[in-house]
Amino acid sequence: MQPRTGKSNHAGKLLTPRRLAVCFAGLAVGVFSLAVWLRHTGGGLDVWLYGEVEITTAFLALTFAALALVRFRGTSDRLPLVLSCGFLVVGIALASSGFVTAHSPAADSITAAREPMTWVLGSTVVALLMVVALYVERRLPLARHPVREISVALCLVVLLTAALGGVHRWLPAGWVADTGGIFPRPGNLFPALLFAVATIGYYRRLDYAYSPFDHSLYLMTGLSVASSMAASQSDRQLDGPFALGVGFQFASYAVLLGGALLDNVKLFEHVKRLALSDALTGLVNYRRIIDTLGDEIERTKRTGRPFSLLLFDLDGLKRINDEYGHTVGSRALCRMADALESNCRAIDTAGRYGGDEFALILPETDKDAAREVARRICEALAGEEELPRVTAKAGAAVYPHDGDSVLAILASADRALYGAKGRTLRSLACFI
């Protein structure tokens, strides 16, 4: 696995700043126009359906909270900690409200003067925490006491939610609903503004963080702007604009969860590569070499076609380390790895066997073909102009002629390699 290379400032971004501004303006106008049209055409959500949507959205929020908490435990980054605690509280609130709403009489819910409390609290809490997470990442990015900070963060989020609930309960009715105004639900403009600020922040964050998780945060905040804008046009509970806002909210949570899941898949693949590869050269490690030899033995038993194993030993690595330093010695190992990779087929497996020894597994290859591959690799390495000059010796073994098990084939190749040491490169009298 090659080390990750640097990227340009806009490598992880989906849009340039100018296109982003145009998209934002178009999104705002489009959502506002659609919400106004829905406001005057009637229609909306059924109480039972809204309850089911709340429960499903709660499942998305709680699942994301769990994934974000796992991410925090693995990285100690405080940003996923803040988001995890926020979505945990919001998910629990949505699940409880969804169960109650789905079993409430339709008339009581629709005729209520205020919009659902969980909608207001959920949107506002998430919007605040999306902004707070950006600030925390910038000022205090890493946790020193992860377990303790989980409890502290969760308590703070609960207190914040309770405080916002109290404020909403005591707000004057005119501040909550203004059916004759341009924005019948002006309270939704506050989370819309916070989400807009967060969207800009997460867009800028893509300069240095460009995983699926990071992109999903950016897309989620943009969808949440649309959600709050649509809900601001609602003049009665569960009407058309509110239904549109609920749809955008559900989509934003789904995008966020999808990004977290995709990021986990990529992280698992990365960890798997690390477990099976050599950190210095990027070739497979000893464990993977053994597994591949076992697989090739099983395939040979099925097909009857032999395979070959080449073992290489880098000449004079200790001398290079002593005279030029370990950095140059590490570079010599990488040069050997490059020679292996550039002179083998896609179906071959090149690995670092240990120390200054390397292995190359050649499926469906007899000893003559293996000898030619070894000659080509050794000559390519010796012919490099980079100093100090590096040479290698090779030993070969063929299954099943030289051994009938993994250990036997390795021992046979190792004996051939030992016999080649001290002889000239061009004689390649290392094969038995």
Protein backbone atom coordinates (compact mmCIF):
# COMPACT_ATOMS: atom_id res chain seq x y z
CA MET A 1 0.00 0.00 0.00
CA GLN A 2 1.47 3.28 -1.05
CA PRO A 3 1.45 6.21 1.37
CA ARG A 4 -1.27 8.72 0.80
CA THR A 5 -0.13 11.61 -1.26
CA GLY A 6 -1.12 15.22 -0.77
CA LYS A 7 -4.05 16.73 -2.59
CA SER A 8 -4.80 20.15 -3.85
CA ASN A 9 -7.08 22.46 -1.90
CA HIS A 10 -10.13 21.58 -3.96
CA ALA A 11 -9.36 17.89 -4.55
CA GLY A 12 -12.00 16.69 -2.13
CA LYS A 13 -14.66 19.23 -3.02
CA LEU A 14 -17.64 18.54 -5.20
CA LEU A 15 -18.13 22.15 -6.31
CA THR A 16 -16.08 25.31 -6.68
CA PRO A 17 -17.06 28.22 -4.37
CA ARG A 18 -18.85 30.07 -7.19
CA ARG A 19 -20.85 27.03 -8.25
CA LEU A 20 -21.63 26.33 -4.62
CA ALA A 21 -23.09 29.83 -4.19
CA VAL A 22 -25.17 29.40 -7.34
CA CYS A 23 -26.44 26.02 -6.15
CA PHE A 24 -27.33 27.45 -2.76
CA ALA A 25 -29.25 30.30 -4.32
CA GLY A 26 -31.05 27.95 -6.69
CA LEU A 27 -31.82 25.51 -3.87
CA ALA A 28 -33.21 28.27 -1.64
CA VAL A 29 -35.40 29.72 -4.39
CA GLY A 30 -36.60 26.32 -5.54
CA VAL A 31 -37.44 25.05 -2.05
CA PHE A 32 -39.13 28.33 -1.08
CA SER A 33 -41.23 28.34 -4.26
CA LEU A 34 -42.24 24.71 -3.87
CA ALA A 35 -43.13 25.23 -0.20
CA VAL A 36 -45.25 28.29 -1.03
CA TRP A 37 -47.07 26.33 -3.72
CA LEU A 38 -47.70 23.43 -1.33
CA ARG A 39 -48.93 25.88 1.28
CA HIS A 40 -51.71 27.09 -1.00
CA THR A 41 -52.62 23.75 -2.57
CA GLY A 42 -53.36 21.95 0.68
CA GLY A 43 -52.52 18.36 1.47
CA GLY A 44 -49.97 17.10 3.95
CA LEU A 45 -48.99 14.21 6.15
CA ASP A 46 -51.27 11.73 7.82
CA VAL A 47 -50.71 11.57 11.57
CA TRP A 48 -49.95 7.84 11.50
CA LEU A 49 -47.55 8.29 8.57
CA TYR A 50 -45.77 11.13 10.34
CA GLY A 51 -45.31 8.94 13.39
CA GLU A 52 -43.81 6.18 11.25
CA VAL A 53 -41.47 8.65 9.54
CA GLU A 54 -40.34 9.93 12.95
CA ILE A 55 -39.57 6.41 14.12
CA THR A 56 -37.61 5.63 10.93
CA THR A 57 -35.71 8.91 11.17
CA ALA A 58 -34.94 8.09 14.79
CA PHE A 59 -33.47 4.75 13.69
CA LEU A 60 -31.21 6.58 11.22
CA ALA A 61 -30.14 9.07 13.90
CA LEU A 62 -29.39 6.41 16.50
CA THR A 63 -27.46 4.27 14.04
CA PHE A 64 -25.37 7.24 12.99
CA ALA A 65 -24.78 8.11 16.66
CA ALA A 66 -23.39 4.62 17.25
CA LEU A 67 -21.11 4.81 14.20
CA ALA A 68 -19.89 8.28 15.18
CA LEU A 69 -19.14 7.06 18.70
CA VAL A 70 -17.11 4.16 17.29
CA ARG A 71 -15.24 6.64 15.12
CA PHE A 72 -14.51 8.80 18.18
CA ARG A 73 -13.22 5.83 20.15
CA GLY A 74 -10.93 4.90 17.27
CA THR A 75 -9.58 8.37 16.49
CA SER A 76 -10.21 10.47 19.66
CA ASP A 77 -11.49 13.24 17.37
CA ARG A 78 -13.98 15.38 19.27
CA LEU A 79 -16.08 16.24 16.19
CA PRO A 80 -17.71 12.78 15.94
CA LEU A 81 -18.16 12.80 19.74
CA VAL A 82 -20.24 15.99 19.59
CA LEU A 83 -22.29 14.67 16.69
CA SER A 84 -22.77 11.27 18.33
CA CYS A 85 -24.19 12.75 21.54
CA GLY A 86 -26.43 15.13 19.61
CA PHE A 87 -27.91 12.50 17.34
CA LEU A 88 -28.32 10.11 20.26
CA VAL A 89 -30.52 12.57 22.14
CA VAL A 90 -32.42 13.60 19.00
CA GLY A 91 -32.90 9.97 17.98
CA ILE A 92 -34.36 9.04 21.37
CA ALA A 93 -36.68 12.06 21.28
CA LEU A 94 -37.84 11.25 17.75
CA ALA A 95 -38.47 7.60 18.60
CA SER A 96 -40.54 8.50 21.66
CA SER A 97 -42.48 11.18 19.79
CA GLY A 98 -43.04 8.91 16.81
CA PHE A 99 -44.56 6.20 18.98
CA VAL A 100 -46.86 8.70 20.72
CA THR A 101 -47.81 10.47 17.48
CA ALA A 102 -48.65 7.27 15.66
CA HIS A 103 -51.12 6.38 18.43
CA SER A 104 -52.62 9.85 18.89
CA PRO A 105 -56.01 10.93 17.54
CA ALA A 106 -55.66 12.74 14.23
CA ALA A 107 -57.77 15.71 15.21
CA ASP A 108 -55.74 16.52 18.30
CA SER A 109 -52.45 16.65 16.43
CA ILE A 110 -53.60 18.57 13.42
CA THR A 111 -55.52 21.23 15.29
CA ALA A 112 -52.72 21.94 17.76
CA ALA A 113 -51.49 25.51 17.55
CA ARG A 114 -47.80 24.71 17.55
CA GLU A 115 -45.75 22.51 15.31
CA PRO A 116 -44.43 19.23 16.82
CA MET A 117 -41.99 19.96 19.66
CA THR A 118 -39.55 17.26 18.52
CA TRP A 119 -39.28 18.86 15.10
CA VAL A 120 -38.27 22.21 16.55
CA LEU A 121 -35.91 20.76 19.13
CA GLY A 122 -34.40 18.19 16.76
CA SER A 123 -33.65 20.71 14.03
CA THR A 124 -32.30 23.35 16.41
CA VAL A 125 -30.17 20.97 18.49
CA VAL A 126 -28.65 19.33 15.42
CA ALA A 127 -28.01 22.72 13.79
CA LEU A 128 -26.29 24.08 16.90
CA LEU A 129 -24.17 20.97 17.35
CA MET A 130 -23.10 20.91 13.70
CA VAL A 131 -21.67 24.41 14.21
CA VAL A 132 -20.25 23.57 17.65
CA ALA A 133 -18.53 20.48 16.24
CA LEU A 134 -16.68 22.64 13.72
CA TYR A 135 -15.53 25.00 16.46
CA VAL A 136 -14.45 22.13 18.73
CA GLU A 137 -12.50 20.50 15.91
CA ARG A 138 -10.65 23.73 15.24
CA ARG A 139 -9.88 24.64 18.87
CA LEU A 140 -9.80 21.33 20.75
CA PRO A 141 -9.59 18.57 18.13
CA LEU A 142 -8.40 15.59 20.20
CA ALA A 143 -9.80 14.11 23.40
CA ARG A 144 -7.43 13.42 26.28
CA HIS A 145 -9.85 11.32 28.34
CA PRO A 146 -12.28 9.71 25.85
CA VAL A 147 -14.45 7.79 28.32
CA ARG A 148 -14.90 10.75 30.63
CA GLU A 149 -15.61 13.12 27.78
CA ILE A 150 -18.41 10.91 26.44
CA SER A 151 -20.32 11.37 29.71
CA VAL A 152 -19.61 15.10 29.87
CA ALA A 153 -20.65 15.69 26.26
CA LEU A 154 -23.85 13.68 26.67
CA CYS A 155 -24.83 15.63 29.80
CA LEU A 156 -24.19 18.94 28.06
CA VAL A 157 -26.32 17.94 25.07
CA VAL A 158 -29.18 16.84 27.35
CA LEU A 159 -29.02 20.15 29.23
CA LEU A 160 -28.95 22.06 25.94
CA THR A 161 -32.00 20.17 24.69
CA ALA A 162 -33.88 20.78 27.93
CA ALA A 163 -33.02 24.48 27.83
CA LEU A 164 -34.17 24.85 24.23
CA GLY A 165 -37.39 23.00 25.07
CA GLY A 166 -38.09 25.42 27.90
CA VAL A 167 -37.39 28.43 25.71
CA HIS A 168 -39.70 27.13 22.98
CA ARG A 169 -42.47 26.43 25.47
CA TRP A 170 -42.44 29.98 26.81
CA LEU A 171 -42.08 31.82 23.51
CA PRO A 172 -44.99 34.11 22.60
CA ALA A 173 -47.43 32.54 20.16
CA GLY A 174 -46.67 35.22 17.56
CA TRP A 175 -43.03 34.20 17.54
CA VAL A 176 -43.90 30.58 16.92
CA ALA A 177 -46.65 30.94 14.30
CA ASP A 178 -47.52 33.92 12.08
CA THR A 179 -50.05 32.61 9.59
CA GLY A 180 -50.38 35.96 7.84
CA GLY A 181 -46.66 36.56 7.34
CA ILE A 182 -44.25 35.64 4.60
CA PHE A 183 -42.83 32.95 6.92
CA PRO A 184 -45.70 31.40 8.90
CA ARG A 185 -43.19 29.49 11.05
CA PRO A 186 -40.35 32.04 11.55
CA GLY A 187 -38.74 29.91 14.21
CA ASN A 188 -37.46 27.55 11.52
CA LEU A 189 -35.33 30.31 10.05
CA PHE A 190 -32.97 30.10 13.04
CA PRO A 191 -31.87 26.47 12.41
CA ALA A 192 -31.86 27.25 8.67
CA LEU A 193 -29.32 30.01 9.31
CA LEU A 194 -27.20 27.74 11.52
CA PHE A 195 -27.29 24.96 8.94
CA ALA A 196 -26.23 27.45 6.23
CA VAL A 197 -23.23 28.47 8.36
CA ALA A 198 -22.42 24.81 8.99
CA THR A 199 -22.66 24.00 5.27
CA ILE A 200 -20.07 26.66 4.48
CA GLY A 201 -17.86 25.37 7.30
CA TYR A 202 -18.03 21.75 6.21
CA TYR A 203 -17.42 22.77 2.62
CA ARG A 204 -14.20 24.52 3.64
CA ARG A 205 -13.33 21.50 5.74
CA LEU A 206 -13.13 19.42 2.56
CA ASP A 207 -9.76 21.09 1.92
CA TYR A 208 -8.19 18.62 4.34
CA ALA A 209 -10.90 16.06 5.12
CA TYR A 210 -12.37 14.34 2.08
CA SER A 211 -13.64 10.95 3.21
CA PRO A 212 -17.23 9.80 2.51
CA PHE A 213 -18.03 10.74 6.12
CA ASP A 214 -16.82 14.30 5.57
CA HIS A 215 -18.73 14.69 2.31
CA SER A 216 -21.89 13.39 3.97
CA LEU A 217 -21.62 16.07 6.68
CA TYR A 218 -21.46 18.74 3.99
CA LEU A 219 -24.42 17.31 2.05
CA MET A 220 -26.45 16.74 5.21
CA THR A 221 -26.19 20.37 6.31
CA GLY A 222 -27.19 21.56 2.83
CA LEU A 223 -30.28 19.34 2.84
CA SER A 224 -31.10 20.54 6.35
CA VAL A 225 -31.15 24.15 5.10
CA ALA A 226 -33.80 23.09 2.60
CA SER A 227 -35.69 21.21 5.34
CA SER A 228 -35.91 24.21 7.66
CA MET A 229 -36.73 26.59 4.80
CA ALA A 230 -39.62 24.39 3.72
CA ALA A 231 -40.94 24.06 7.28
CA SER A 232 -40.90 27.83 7.69
CA GLN A 233 -43.77 27.99 5.18
CA SER A 234 -46.00 25.69 7.22
CA ASP A 235 -49.11 27.47 8.53
CA ARG A 236 -50.63 24.40 10.16
CA GLN A 237 -49.29 21.15 11.47
CA LEU A 238 -48.51 18.36 9.03
CA ASP A 239 -49.43 20.41 5.95
CA GLY A 240 -47.67 20.30 2.58
CA PRO A 241 -44.65 22.53 3.41
CA PHE A 242 -44.11 20.67 6.66
CA ALA A 243 -44.25 17.35 4.82
CA LEU A 244 -41.63 18.68 2.41
CA GLY A 245 -39.44 19.68 5.34
CA VAL A 246 -39.83 16.23 6.88
CA GLY A 247 -38.81 14.66 3.58
CA PHE A 248 -35.64 16.77 3.39
CA GLN A 249 -34.84 15.94 7.01
CA PHE A 250 -35.21 12.22 6.36
CA ALA A 251 -33.00 12.52 3.26
CA SER A 252 -30.34 14.43 5.21
CA TYR A 253 -30.18 11.75 7.92
CA ALA A 254 -30.07 9.00 5.29
CA VAL A 255 -27.19 10.73 3.49
CA LEU A 256 -25.32 11.15 6.77
CA LEU A 257 -25.77 7.51 7.72
CA GLY A 258 -24.82 6.37 4.22
CA GLY A 259 -21.61 8.39 4.34
CA ALA A 260 -20.72 6.94 7.75
CA LEU A 261 -21.37 3.38 6.58
CA LEU A 262 -19.37 3.85 3.38
CA ASP A 263 -16.54 5.35 5.38
CA ASN A 264 -16.59 2.35 7.71
CA VAL A 265 -16.36 0.01 4.73
CA LYS A 266 -13.35 1.91 3.41
CA LEU A 267 -11.82 1.96 6.88
CA PHE A 268 -12.28 -1.81 7.20
CA GLU A 269 -10.62 -2.33 3.82
CA HIS A 270 -7.76 -0.06 4.88
CA VAL A 271 -7.26 -1.94 8.14
CA LYS A 272 -7.39 -5.23 6.27
CA ARG A 273 -4.70 -4.01 3.85
CA LEU A 274 -2.55 -2.89 6.78
CA ALA A 275 -2.92 -6.29 8.42
CA LEU A 276 -1.82 -8.07 5.25
CA SER A 277 0.85 -5.69 3.90
CA ASP A 278 4.31 -4.54 4.85
CA ALA A 279 4.28 -0.94 6.09
CA LEU A 280 7.60 0.00 4.47
CA THR A 281 7.42 -1.55 1.01
CA GLY A 282 3.68 -1.89 0.48
CA LEU A 283 4.09 -5.55 -0.51
CA VAL A 284 2.13 -8.29 1.20
CA ASN A 285 3.57 -9.48 4.50
CA TYR A 286 4.61 -12.90 5.80
CA ARG A 287 1.09 -13.80 6.88
CA ARG A 288 -0.33 -13.10 3.43
CA ILE A 289 2.50 -15.03 1.77
CA ILE A 290 1.65 -18.11 3.83
CA ASP A 291 -2.07 -17.78 3.06
CA THR A 292 -1.38 -17.38 -0.67
CA LEU A 293 0.87 -20.42 -0.74
CA GLY A 294 -1.92 -22.45 0.86
CA ASP A 295 -4.38 -21.17 -1.75
CA GLU A 296 -2.01 -22.01 -4.60
CA ILE A 297 -1.49 -25.54 -3.25
CA GLU A 298 -5.25 -26.09 -3.22
CA ARG A 299 -5.56 -24.73 -6.76
CA THR A 300 -2.76 -26.96 -8.00
CA LYS A 301 -4.51 -29.97 -6.49
CA ARG A 302 -7.62 -29.06 -8.47
CA THR A 303 -6.01 -28.14 -11.79
CA GLY A 304 -2.81 -30.19 -11.79
CA ARG A 305 -0.78 -27.13 -12.92
CA PRO A 306 2.32 -26.36 -10.79
CA PHE A 307 3.34 -23.02 -9.32
CA SER A 308 6.73 -21.63 -8.38
CA LEU A 309 8.07 -19.78 -5.36
CA LEU A 310 11.03 -17.41 -5.59
CA LEU A 311 12.88 -16.19 -2.50
CA PHE A 312 15.19 -13.17 -2.85
CA ASP A 313 17.88 -11.97 -0.46
CA LEU A 314 19.15 -8.40 -0.69
CA ASP A 315 22.96 -8.35 -0.70
CA GLY A 316 24.81 -6.29 1.89
CA LEU A 317 21.88 -4.53 3.56
CA LYS A 318 23.78 -4.29 6.85
CA ARG A 319 26.71 -2.67 5.08
CA ILE A 320 24.38 -0.13 3.45
CA ASN A 321 22.81 0.69 6.80
CA ASP A 322 26.22 1.11 8.43
CA GLU A 323 27.76 3.24 5.66
CA TYR A 324 24.79 5.27 4.44
CA GLY A 325 22.29 5.13 7.29
CA HIS A 326 19.00 3.35 7.83
CA THR A 327 17.08 5.76 5.61
CA VAL A 328 19.13 4.67 2.60
CA GLY A 329 18.78 1.07 3.77
CA SER A 330 15.01 1.43 3.83
CA ARG A 331 15.17 2.93 0.37
CA ALA A 332 17.13 -0.13 -0.80
CA LEU A 333 14.32 -2.38 0.43
CA CYS A 334 11.79 -0.25 -1.44
CA ARG A 335 13.89 -0.47 -4.61
CA MET A 336 13.81 -4.25 -4.32
CA ALA A 337 10.03 -4.11 -3.87
CA ASP A 338 9.71 -1.89 -6.96
CA ALA A 339 11.79 -4.32 -9.00
CA LEU A 340 9.51 -7.17 -7.98
CA GLU A 341 6.30 -5.31 -8.76
CA SER A 342 7.49 -4.02 -12.14
CA ASN A 343 8.68 -7.42 -13.35
CA CYS A 344 5.81 -9.70 -12.44
CA ARG A 345 2.28 -10.36 -13.65
CA ALA A 346 -0.96 -9.17 -12.13
CA ILE A 347 -1.71 -12.70 -10.91
CA ASP A 348 1.66 -13.02 -9.13
CA THR A 349 2.06 -12.20 -5.44
CA ALA A 350 5.12 -10.26 -4.30
CA GLY A 351 5.80 -9.94 -0.58
CA ARG A 352 8.37 -9.15 2.05
CA TYR A 353 9.24 -12.44 3.67
CA GLY A 354 11.15 -10.84 6.52
CA GLY A 355 14.12 -8.53 7.07
CA ASP A 356 15.98 -8.33 3.76
CA GLU A 357 14.23 -11.35 2.21
CA PHE A 358 11.43 -11.17 -0.33
CA ALA A 359 9.12 -13.74 -1.89
CA LEU A 360 7.41 -13.96 -5.26
CA ILE A 361 4.67 -16.54 -5.89
CA LEU A 362 4.18 -17.39 -9.57
CA PRO A 363 0.96 -19.32 -10.33
CA GLU A 364 1.07 -21.85 -13.18
CA THR A 365 4.83 -21.41 -13.65
CA ASP A 366 7.49 -24.10 -13.96
CA LYS A 367 11.12 -23.85 -12.86
CA ASP A 368 12.50 -22.63 -16.22
CA ALA A 369 10.01 -19.77 -16.36
CA ALA A 370 10.67 -18.95 -12.70
CA ARG A 371 14.40 -18.86 -13.38
CA GLU A 372 13.86 -16.36 -16.19
CA VAL A 373 11.71 -14.15 -13.95
CA ALA A 374 14.38 -14.21 -11.24
CA ARG A 375 17.09 -13.33 -13.77
CA ARG A 376 15.03 -10.40 -15.08
CA ILE A 377 14.38 -9.04 -11.58
CA CYS A 378 17.99 -9.36 -10.44
CA GLU A 379 19.35 -7.73 -13.58
CA ALA A 380 16.81 -4.90 -13.36
CA LEU A 381 17.85 -4.22 -9.76
CA ALA A 382 21.58 -4.39 -10.49
CA GLY A 383 21.19 -2.14 -13.53
CA GLU A 384 19.71 0.79 -11.62
CA GLU A 385 21.73 4.01 -11.67
CA GLU A 386 20.69 5.02 -8.17
CA LEU A 387 23.46 4.77 -5.58
CA PRO A 388 24.40 2.74 -3.69
CA ARG A 389 24.09 -0.13 -6.13
CA VAL A 390 21.89 -2.94 -4.89
CA THR A 391 22.04 -6.60 -5.90
CA ALA A 392 20.15 -9.70 -4.84
CA LYS A 393 20.33 -13.48 -4.94
CA ALA A 394 17.38 -15.77 -5.64
CA GLY A 395 16.31 -19.30 -4.88
CA ALA A 396 13.42 -21.21 -6.46
CA ALA A 397 11.16 -24.10 -5.64
CA VAL A 398 8.27 -25.63 -7.61
CA TYR A 399 5.20 -27.29 -6.16
CA PRO A 400 4.72 -30.24 -6.02
CA HIS A 401 8.17 -31.29 -7.26
CA ASP A 402 10.16 -29.58 -4.48
CA GLY A 403 7.69 -30.00 -1.63
CA ASP A 404 4.12 -31.05 -0.90
CA SER A 405 3.24 -28.49 1.80
CA VAL A 406 3.69 -24.81 2.59
CA LEU A 407 6.57 -25.46 4.98
CA ALA A 408 8.23 -27.89 2.58
CA ILE A 409 8.10 -25.54 -0.39
CA LEU A 410 9.46 -22.67 1.73
CA ALA A 411 12.28 -24.85 3.04
CA SER A 412 13.18 -25.95 -0.48
CA ALA A 413 13.30 -22.37 -1.78
CA ASP A 414 15.31 -21.31 1.26
CA ARG A 415 17.89 -24.05 0.64
CA ALA A 416 18.20 -22.91 -2.97
CA LEU A 417 18.68 -19.32 -1.81
CA TYR A 418 21.31 -20.37 0.72
CA GLY A 419 23.18 -22.23 -2.01
CA ALA A 420 23.19 -19.09 -4.18
CA LYS A 421 24.77 -16.82 -1.60
CA GLY A 422 28.38 -16.03 -2.36
CA ARG A 423 28.03 -16.76 -6.07
CA THR A 424 27.98 -14.15 -8.81
CA LEU A 425 24.69 -12.57 -9.86
CA ARG A 426 24.95 -13.53 -13.49
CA SER A 427 25.57 -17.22 -12.84
CA LEU A 428 22.31 -17.45 -10.95
CA ALA A 429 23.42 -20.91 -9.80
CA CYS A 430 20.83 -20.63 -7.11
CA PHE A 431 18.31 -23.07 -8.54
CA ILE A 432 18.07 -26.68 -7.62
